[in-house]
PDB file of N, CA and C in Angstrom:
ATOM      1  N   MET A   1       9.978  24.264  -3.564  1.00  0.00           N
ATOM      2  CA  MET A   1       9.158  23.002  -3.766  1.00  0.00           C
ATOM      3  C   MET A   1       8.638  22.535  -2.387  1.00  0.00           C
ATOM      4  N   ALA A   2       7.277  22.247  -2.303  1.00  0.00           N
ATOM      5  CA  ALA A   2       6.815  21.873  -1.007  1.00  0.00           C
ATOM      6  C   ALA A   2       7.314  20.444  -0.631  1.00  0.00           C
ATOM      7  N   SER A   3       7.653  20.364   0.657  1.00  0.00           N
ATOM      8  CA  SER A   3       8.237  19.069   1.059  1.00  0.00           C
ATOM      9  C   SER A   3       7.123  17.995   1.231  1.00  0.00           C
ATOM     10  N   ASN A   4       7.424  16.815   1.101  1.00  0.00           N
ATOM     11  CA  ASN A   4       6.516  15.659   1.224  1.00  0.00           C
ATOM     12  C   ASN A   4       6.160  15.518   2.710  1.00  0.00           C
ATOM     13  N   ASN A   5       4.917  15.481   3.073  1.00  0.00           N
ATOM     14  CA  ASN A   5       4.544  15.270   4.499  1.00  0.00           C
ATOM     15  C   ASN A   5       3.898  13.943   4.828  1.00  0.00           C
ATOM     16  N   TYR A   6       4.140  12.961   4.001  1.00  0.00           N
ATOM     17  CA  TYR A   6       3.636  11.584   4.217  1.00  0.00           C
ATOM     18  C   TYR A   6       4.716  10.681   4.502  1.00  0.00           C
ATOM     19  N   SER A   7       4.814  10.197   5.837  1.00  0.00           N
ATOM     20  CA  SER A   7       5.990   9.338   6.267  1.00  0.00           C
ATOM     21  C   SER A   7       5.558   7.888   6.117  1.00  0.00           C
ATOM     22  N   GLN A   8       6.556   7.061   6.139  1.00  0.00           N
ATOM     23  CA  GLN A   8       6.322   5.607   6.041  1.00  0.00           C
ATOM     24  C   GLN A   8       5.328   5.207   7.097  1.00  0.00           C
ATOM     25  N   GLY A   9       4.355   4.419   6.635  1.00  0.00           N
ATOM     26  CA  GLY A   9       3.253   3.973   7.586  1.00  0.00           C
ATOM     27  C   GLY A   9       2.072   4.907   7.727  1.00  0.00           C
ATOM     28  N   ALA A  10       2.154   6.021   7.082  1.00  0.00           N
ATOM     29  CA  ALA A  10       1.033   6.990   7.122  1.00  0.00           C
ATOM     30  C   ALA A  10      -0.254   6.359   6.404  1.00  0.00           C
ATOM     31  N   GLN A  11      -1.309   6.526   6.905  1.00  0.00           N
ATOM     32  CA  GLN A  11      -2.543   6.079   6.307  1.00  0.00           C
ATOM     33  C   GLN A  11      -3.065   7.266   5.445  1.00  0.00           C
ATOM     34  N   VAL A  12      -3.454   6.864   4.188  1.00  0.00           N
ATOM     35  CA  VAL A  12      -3.837   8.028   3.223  1.00  0.00           C
ATOM     36  C   VAL A  12      -5.110   7.470   2.456  1.00  0.00           C
ATOM     37  N   GLU A  13      -5.794   8.370   1.857  1.00  0.00           N
ATOM     38  CA  GLU A  13      -6.927   8.089   0.976  1.00  0.00           C
ATOM     39  C   GLU A  13      -6.658   8.778  -0.347  1.00  0.00           C
ATOM     40  N   HIS A  14      -6.757   8.038  -1.435  1.00  0.00           N
ATOM     41  CA  HIS A  14      -6.504   8.538  -2.824  1.00  0.00           C
ATOM     42  C   HIS A  14      -7.898   8.658  -3.479  1.00  0.00           C
ATOM     43  N   ASP A  15      -8.057   9.697  -4.340  1.00  0.00           N
ATOM     44  CA  ASP A  15      -9.388   9.846  -5.062  1.00  0.00           C
ATOM     45  C   ASP A  15      -9.807   8.596  -5.770  1.00  0.00           C
ATOM     46  N   LYS A  16      -8.874   7.920  -6.398  1.00  0.00           N
ATOM     47  CA  LYS A  16      -9.255   6.865  -7.325  1.00  0.00           C
ATOM     48  C   LYS A  16      -9.035   5.495  -6.699  1.00  0.00           C
ATOM     49  N   PHE A  17      -7.935   5.319  -5.925  1.00  0.00           N
ATOM     50  CA  PHE A  17      -7.537   3.970  -5.422  1.00  0.00           C
ATOM     51  C   PHE A  17      -8.000   3.701  -3.950  1.00  0.00           C
ATOM     52  N   GLY A  18      -8.604   4.756  -3.352  1.00  0.00           N
ATOM     53  CA  GLY A  18      -9.089   4.448  -1.922  1.00  0.00           C
ATOM     54  C   GLY A  18      -8.045   4.538  -0.888  1.00  0.00           C
ATOM     55  N   LEU A  19      -8.222   3.701   0.214  1.00  0.00           N
ATOM     56  CA  LEU A  19      -7.450   3.739   1.376  1.00  0.00           C
ATOM     57  C   LEU A  19      -6.177   2.973   1.104  1.00  0.00           C
ATOM     58  N   GLY A  20      -5.021   3.429   1.734  1.00  0.00           N
ATOM     59  CA  GLY A  20      -3.710   2.759   1.545  1.00  0.00           C
ATOM     60  C   GLY A  20      -2.807   3.189   2.657  1.00  0.00           C
ATOM     61  N   THR A  21      -1.678   2.555   2.618  1.00  0.00           N
ATOM     62  CA  THR A  21      -0.517   2.781   3.535  1.00  0.00           C
ATOM     63  C   THR A  21       0.735   3.225   2.770  1.00  0.00           C
ATOM     64  N   VAL A  22       1.370   4.289   3.232  1.00  0.00           N
ATOM     65  CA  VAL A  22       2.532   4.640   2.637  1.00  0.00           C
ATOM     66  C   VAL A  22       3.700   3.747   2.865  1.00  0.00           C
ATOM     67  N   LEU A  23       4.329   3.151   1.875  1.00  0.00           N
ATOM     68  CA  LEU A  23       5.431   2.196   2.137  1.00  0.00           C
ATOM     69  C   LEU A  23       6.812   2.991   2.146  1.00  0.00           C
ATOM     70  N   SER A  24       6.944   3.970   1.202  1.00  0.00           N
ATOM     71  CA  SER A  24       8.118   4.836   1.246  1.00  0.00           C
ATOM     72  C   SER A  24       7.790   6.177   0.473  1.00  0.00           C
ATOM     73  N   SER A  25       8.506   7.154   0.795  1.00  0.00           N
ATOM     74  CA  SER A  25       8.248   8.456   0.114  1.00  0.00           C
ATOM     75  C   SER A  25       9.495   9.350   0.239  1.00  0.00           C
ATOM     76  N   ASN A  26       9.579  10.206  -0.781  1.00  0.00           N
ATOM     77  CA  ASN A  26      10.674  11.293  -0.674  1.00  0.00           C
ATOM     78  C   ASN A  26      10.082  12.397  -1.604  1.00  0.00           C
ATOM     79  N   ASP A  27      10.802  13.444  -1.819  1.00  0.00           N
ATOM     80  CA  ASP A  27      10.289  14.654  -2.656  1.00  0.00           C
ATOM     81  C   ASP A  27       9.986  14.191  -4.132  1.00  0.00           C
ATOM     82  N   GLU A  28      10.520  13.110  -4.575  1.00  0.00           N
ATOM     83  CA  GLU A  28      10.447  12.718  -5.973  1.00  0.00           C
ATOM     84  C   GLU A  28       9.376  11.585  -6.230  1.00  0.00           C
ATOM     85  N   ARG A  29       9.366  10.562  -5.293  1.00  0.00           N
ATOM     86  CA  ARG A  29       8.493   9.396  -5.438  1.00  0.00           C
ATOM     87  C   ARG A  29       7.837   9.025  -4.192  1.00  0.00           C
ATOM     88  N   ILE A  30       6.619   8.469  -4.368  1.00  0.00           N
ATOM     89  CA  ILE A  30       5.930   7.948  -3.139  1.00  0.00           C
ATOM     90  C   ILE A  30       5.332   6.574  -3.522  1.00  0.00           C
ATOM     91  N   VAL A  31       5.400   5.544  -2.724  1.00  0.00           N
ATOM     92  CA  VAL A  31       4.868   4.240  -2.911  1.00  0.00           C
ATOM     93  C   VAL A  31       3.853   3.961  -1.909  1.00  0.00           C
ATOM     94  N   ILE A  32       2.653   3.621  -2.334  1.00  0.00           N
ATOM     95  CA  ILE A  32       1.587   3.313  -1.429  1.00  0.00           C
ATOM     96  C   ILE A  32       0.974   1.971  -1.686  1.00  0.00           C
ATOM     97  N   LYS A  33       0.697   1.202  -0.687  1.00  0.00           N
ATOM     98  CA  LYS A  33       0.061  -0.109  -0.792  1.00  0.00           C
ATOM     99  C   LYS A  33      -1.460   0.122  -0.537  1.00  0.00           C
ATOM    100  N   PHE A  34      -2.320   0.034  -1.486  1.00  0.00           N
ATOM    101  CA  PHE A  34      -3.717   0.203  -1.365  1.00  0.00           C
ATOM    102  C   PHE A  34      -4.394  -1.008  -0.959  1.00  0.00           C
ATOM    103  N   ASP A  35      -5.394  -0.950  -0.143  1.00  0.00           N
ATOM    104  CA  ASP A  35      -6.201  -2.031   0.277  1.00  0.00           C
ATOM    105  C   ASP A  35      -6.783  -3.018  -0.862  1.00  0.00           C
ATOM    106  N   ASP A  36      -7.361  -2.315  -1.786  1.00  0.00           N
ATOM    107  CA  ASP A  36      -8.037  -2.982  -2.918  1.00  0.00           C
ATOM    108  C   ASP A  36      -7.250  -2.999  -4.276  1.00  0.00           C
ATOM    109  N   HIS A  37      -6.174  -2.209  -4.318  1.00  0.00           N
ATOM    110  CA  HIS A  37      -5.433  -2.126  -5.630  1.00  0.00           C
ATOM    111  C   HIS A  37      -3.991  -2.473  -5.569  1.00  0.00           C
ATOM    112  N   GLY A  38      -3.477  -2.905  -4.475  1.00  0.00           N
ATOM    113  CA  GLY A  38      -2.144  -3.301  -4.418  1.00  0.00           C
ATOM    114  C   GLY A  38      -1.146  -2.079  -4.282  1.00  0.00           C
ATOM    115  N   GLU A  39       0.120  -2.350  -4.672  1.00  0.00           N
ATOM    116  CA  GLU A  39       1.175  -1.366  -4.514  1.00  0.00           C
ATOM    117  C   GLU A  39       1.245  -0.518  -5.765  1.00  0.00           C
ATOM    118  N   LYS A  40       1.265   0.783  -5.489  1.00  0.00           N
ATOM    119  CA  LYS A  40       1.323   1.692  -6.669  1.00  0.00           C
ATOM    120  C   LYS A  40       2.429   2.821  -6.355  1.00  0.00           C
ATOM    121  N   LYS A  41       3.194   3.160  -7.435  1.00  0.00           N
ATOM    122  CA  LYS A  41       4.322   4.109  -7.329  1.00  0.00           C
ATOM    123  C   LYS A  41       3.783   5.361  -8.080  1.00  0.00           C
ATOM    124  N   PHE A  42       4.086   6.588  -7.401  1.00  0.00           N
ATOM    125  CA  PHE A  42       3.635   7.845  -7.962  1.00  0.00           C
ATOM    126  C   PHE A  42       4.774   8.826  -8.008  1.00  0.00           C
ATOM    127  N   VAL A  43       4.726   9.818  -8.891  1.00  0.00           N
ATOM    128  CA  VAL A  43       5.596  10.963  -8.814  1.00  0.00           C
ATOM    129  C   VAL A  43       4.975  11.883  -7.750  1.00  0.00           C
ATOM    130  N   THR A  44       5.648  12.081  -6.718  1.00  0.00           N
ATOM    131  CA  THR A  44       5.093  12.779  -5.508  1.00  0.00           C
ATOM    132  C   THR A  44       4.426  14.057  -5.775  1.00  0.00           C
ATOM    133  N   PRO A  45       5.053  15.049  -6.538  1.00  0.00           N
ATOM    134  CA  PRO A  45       4.409  16.302  -6.760  1.00  0.00           C
ATOM    135  C   PRO A  45       3.078  16.091  -7.514  1.00  0.00           C
ATOM    136  N   MET A  46       2.957  15.089  -8.371  1.00  0.00           N
ATOM    137  CA  MET A  46       1.708  14.962  -9.184  1.00  0.00           C
ATOM    138  C   MET A  46       0.626  14.251  -8.430  1.00  0.00           C
ATOM    139  N   VAL A  47       0.892  13.541  -7.391  1.00  0.00           N
ATOM    140  CA  VAL A  47      -0.222  12.873  -6.617  1.00  0.00           C
ATOM    141  C   VAL A  47      -0.621  13.619  -5.318  1.00  0.00           C
ATOM    142  N   MET A  48       0.130  14.540  -5.031  1.00  0.00           N
ATOM    143  CA  MET A  48      -0.205  15.201  -3.686  1.00  0.00           C
ATOM    144  C   MET A  48      -1.598  15.813  -3.596  1.00  0.00           C
ATOM    145  N   GLY A  49      -2.024  16.264  -4.684  1.00  0.00           N
ATOM    146  CA  GLY A  49      -3.365  16.907  -4.787  1.00  0.00           C
ATOM    147  C   GLY A  49      -4.552  15.827  -4.679  1.00  0.00           C
ATOM    148  N   GLN A  50      -4.177  14.551  -4.900  1.00  0.00           N
ATOM    149  CA  GLN A  50      -5.149  13.482  -4.876  1.00  0.00           C
ATOM    150  C   GLN A  50      -5.124  12.706  -3.595  1.00  0.00           C
ATOM    151  N   LEU A  51      -4.248  13.057  -2.680  1.00  0.00           N
ATOM    152  CA  LEU A  51      -4.096  12.285  -1.364  1.00  0.00           C
ATOM    153  C   LEU A  51      -4.657  13.130  -0.193  1.00  0.00           C
ATOM    154  N   LYS A  52      -5.266  12.470   0.781  1.00  0.00           N
ATOM    155  CA  LYS A  52      -5.717  12.980   1.956  1.00  0.00           C
ATOM    156  C   LYS A  52      -5.236  12.077   3.038  1.00  0.00           C
ATOM    157  N   LYS A  53      -4.913  12.646   4.216  1.00  0.00           N
ATOM    158  CA  LYS A  53      -4.503  11.879   5.367  1.00  0.00           C
ATOM    159  C   LYS A  53      -5.770  11.177   5.885  1.00  0.00           C
ATOM    160  N   SER A  54      -5.576   9.989   6.357  1.00  0.00           N
ATOM    161  CA  SER A  54      -6.603   9.180   6.878  1.00  0.00           C
ATOM    162  C   SER A  54      -6.329   8.982   8.301  1.00  0.00           C
ATOM    163  N   ASP A  55      -7.365   8.832   9.168  1.00  0.00           N
ATOM    164  CA  ASP A  55      -7.056   8.687  10.606  1.00  0.00           C
ATOM    165  C   ASP A  55      -7.445   7.206  10.996  1.00  0.00           C
ATOM    166  N   ARG A  56      -7.623   6.390   9.863  1.00  0.00           N
ATOM    167  CA  ARG A  56      -7.899   5.020  10.295  1.00  0.00           C
ATOM    168  C   ARG A  56      -6.773   4.281  10.860  1.00  0.00           C
ATOM    169  N   GLN A  57      -7.041   3.142  11.450  1.00  0.00           N
ATOM    170  CA  GLN A  57      -5.935   2.317  11.959  1.00  0.00           C
ATOM    171  C   GLN A  57      -5.336   1.481  10.819  1.00  0.00           C
ATOM    172  N   PRO A  58      -4.022   1.322  10.793  1.00  0.00           N
ATOM    173  CA  PRO A  58      -3.438   0.389   9.645  1.00  0.00           C
ATOM    174  C   PRO A  58      -4.097  -0.976   9.679  1.00  0.00           C
ATOM    175  N   PRO A  59      -4.385  -1.542   8.478  1.00  0.00           N
ATOM    176  CA  PRO A  59      -4.912  -2.812   8.371  1.00  0.00           C
ATOM    177  C   PRO A  59      -4.021  -3.896   8.947  1.00  0.00           C
ATOM    178  N   ALA A  60      -4.501  -4.827   9.596  1.00  0.00           N
ATOM    179  CA  ALA A  60      -3.767  -5.961  10.095  1.00  0.00           C
ATOM    180  C   ALA A  60      -3.288  -6.797   8.992  1.00  0.00           C
ATOM    181  N   GLU A  61      -2.011  -7.206   9.076  1.00  0.00           N
ATOM    182  CA  GLU A  61      -1.457  -8.073   7.921  1.00  0.00           C
ATOM    183  C   GLU A  61      -2.131  -9.361   8.051  1.00  0.00           C
ATOM    184  N   LYS A  62      -2.522  -9.926   6.907  1.00  0.00           N
ATOM    185  CA  LYS A  62      -3.111 -11.281   6.958  1.00  0.00           C
ATOM    186  C   LYS A  62      -1.991 -12.339   6.822  1.00  0.00           C
ATOM    187  N   ARG A  63      -1.503 -12.780   7.900  1.00  0.00           N
ATOM    188  CA  ARG A  63      -0.385 -13.647   7.869  1.00  0.00           C
ATOM    189  C   ARG A  63      -0.855 -15.041   7.289  1.00  0.00           C
ATOM    190  N   GLY A  64      -0.088 -15.526   6.440  1.00  0.00           N
ATOM    191  CA  GLY A  64      -0.313 -16.801   5.816  1.00  0.00           C
ATOM    192  C   GLY A  64      -1.513 -16.831   4.796  1.00  0.00           C
ATOM    193  N   ALA A  65      -2.112 -15.756   4.612  1.00  0.00           N
ATOM    194  CA  ALA A  65      -3.259 -15.754   3.735  1.00  0.00           C
ATOM    195  C   ALA A  65      -2.839 -15.925   2.276  1.00  0.00           C
ATOM    196  N   ARG A  66      -1.677 -15.459   2.031  1.00  0.00           N
ATOM    197  CA  ARG A  66      -1.144 -15.589   0.637  1.00  0.00           C
ATOM    198  C   ARG A  66      -0.351 -16.860   0.318  1.00  0.00           C
ATOM    199  N   ARG A  67      -0.199 -17.603   1.402  1.00  0.00           N
ATOM    200  CA  ARG A  67       0.557 -18.780   1.250  1.00  0.00           C
ATOM    201  C   ARG A  67      -0.190 -19.833   0.445  1.00  0.00           C
ATOM    202  N   LYS A  68       0.328 -20.427  -0.590  1.00  0.00           N
ATOM    203  CA  LYS A  68      -0.358 -21.489  -1.417  1.00  0.00           C
ATOM    204  C   LYS A  68       0.291 -22.791  -1.119  1.00  0.00           C
ATOM    205  N   ALA A  69      -0.104 -23.431  -0.130  1.00  0.00           N
ATOM    206  CA  ALA A  69       0.476 -24.735   0.262  1.00  0.00           C
ATOM    207  C   ALA A  69      -0.320 -25.817  -0.380  1.00  0.00           C
ATOM    208  N   LYS A  70       0.363 -26.623  -1.175  1.00  0.00           N
ATOM    209  CA  LYS A  70      -0.361 -27.658  -1.920  1.00  0.00           C
ATOM    210  C   LYS A  70       0.067 -28.961  -1.237  1.00  0.00           C
ATOM    211  N   ALA A  71      -0.984 -29.860  -1.150  1.00  0.00           N
ATOM    212  CA  ALA A  71      -0.756 -31.124  -0.672  1.00  0.00           C
ATOM    213  C   ALA A  71       0.006 -31.933  -1.617  1.00  0.00           C
ATOM    214  N   VAL A  72       0.991 -32.738  -1.227  1.00  0.00           N
ATOM    215  CA  VAL A  72       1.706 -33.630  -2.048  1.00  0.00           C
ATOM    216  C   VAL A  72       0.929 -34.900  -2.262  1.00  0.00           C
ATOM    217  N   PRO A  73       0.590 -35.220  -3.541  1.00  0.00           N
ATOM    218  CA  PRO A  73      -0.245 -36.428  -3.684  1.00  0.00           C
ATOM    219  C   PRO A  73       0.530 -37.662  -3.309  1.00  0.00           C
ATOM    220  N   ALA A  74      -0.207 -38.601  -2.744  1.00  0.00           N
ATOM    221  CA  ALA A  74       0.426 -39.858  -2.312  1.00  0.00           C
ATOM    222  C   ALA A  74       0.773 -40.733  -3.543  1.00  0.00           C
ATOM    223  N   VAL A  75       1.881 -41.300  -3.504  1.00  0.00           N
ATOM    224  CA  VAL A  75       2.263 -42.138  -4.622  1.00  0.00           C
ATOM    225  C   VAL A  75       1.445 -43.529  -4.482  1.00  0.00           C
ATOM    226  N   VAL A  76       0.684 -43.884  -5.586  1.00  0.00           N
ATOM    227  CA  VAL A  76      -0.055 -45.140  -5.512  1.00  0.00           C
ATOM    228  C   VAL A  76       0.789 -46.121  -6.143  1.00  0.00           C
ATOM    229  N   GLN A  77       0.903 -47.320  -5.494  1.00  0.00           N
ATOM    230  CA  GLN A  77       1.726 -48.440  -6.079  1.00  0.00           C
ATOM    231  C   GLN A  77       0.887 -49.591  -6.401  1.00  0.00           C
TER     232      GLN A  77
END
């Protein structure tokens, strides 16, 4: 069996889901966070033919962008 050559943090491109970052991988499973499709889990041998290495820079994490801070309404007396 061919060994998995995508390490954590590797930038990849998938035929269907586009650009993403490898979160974890081994010979059985690979987890990729895609820019436009979120986190996906694959059976490694089945997805290897659909992945290409990408030389792009990892996207910057958008800190606080997902935080949903709600203002507490003032109590009217």
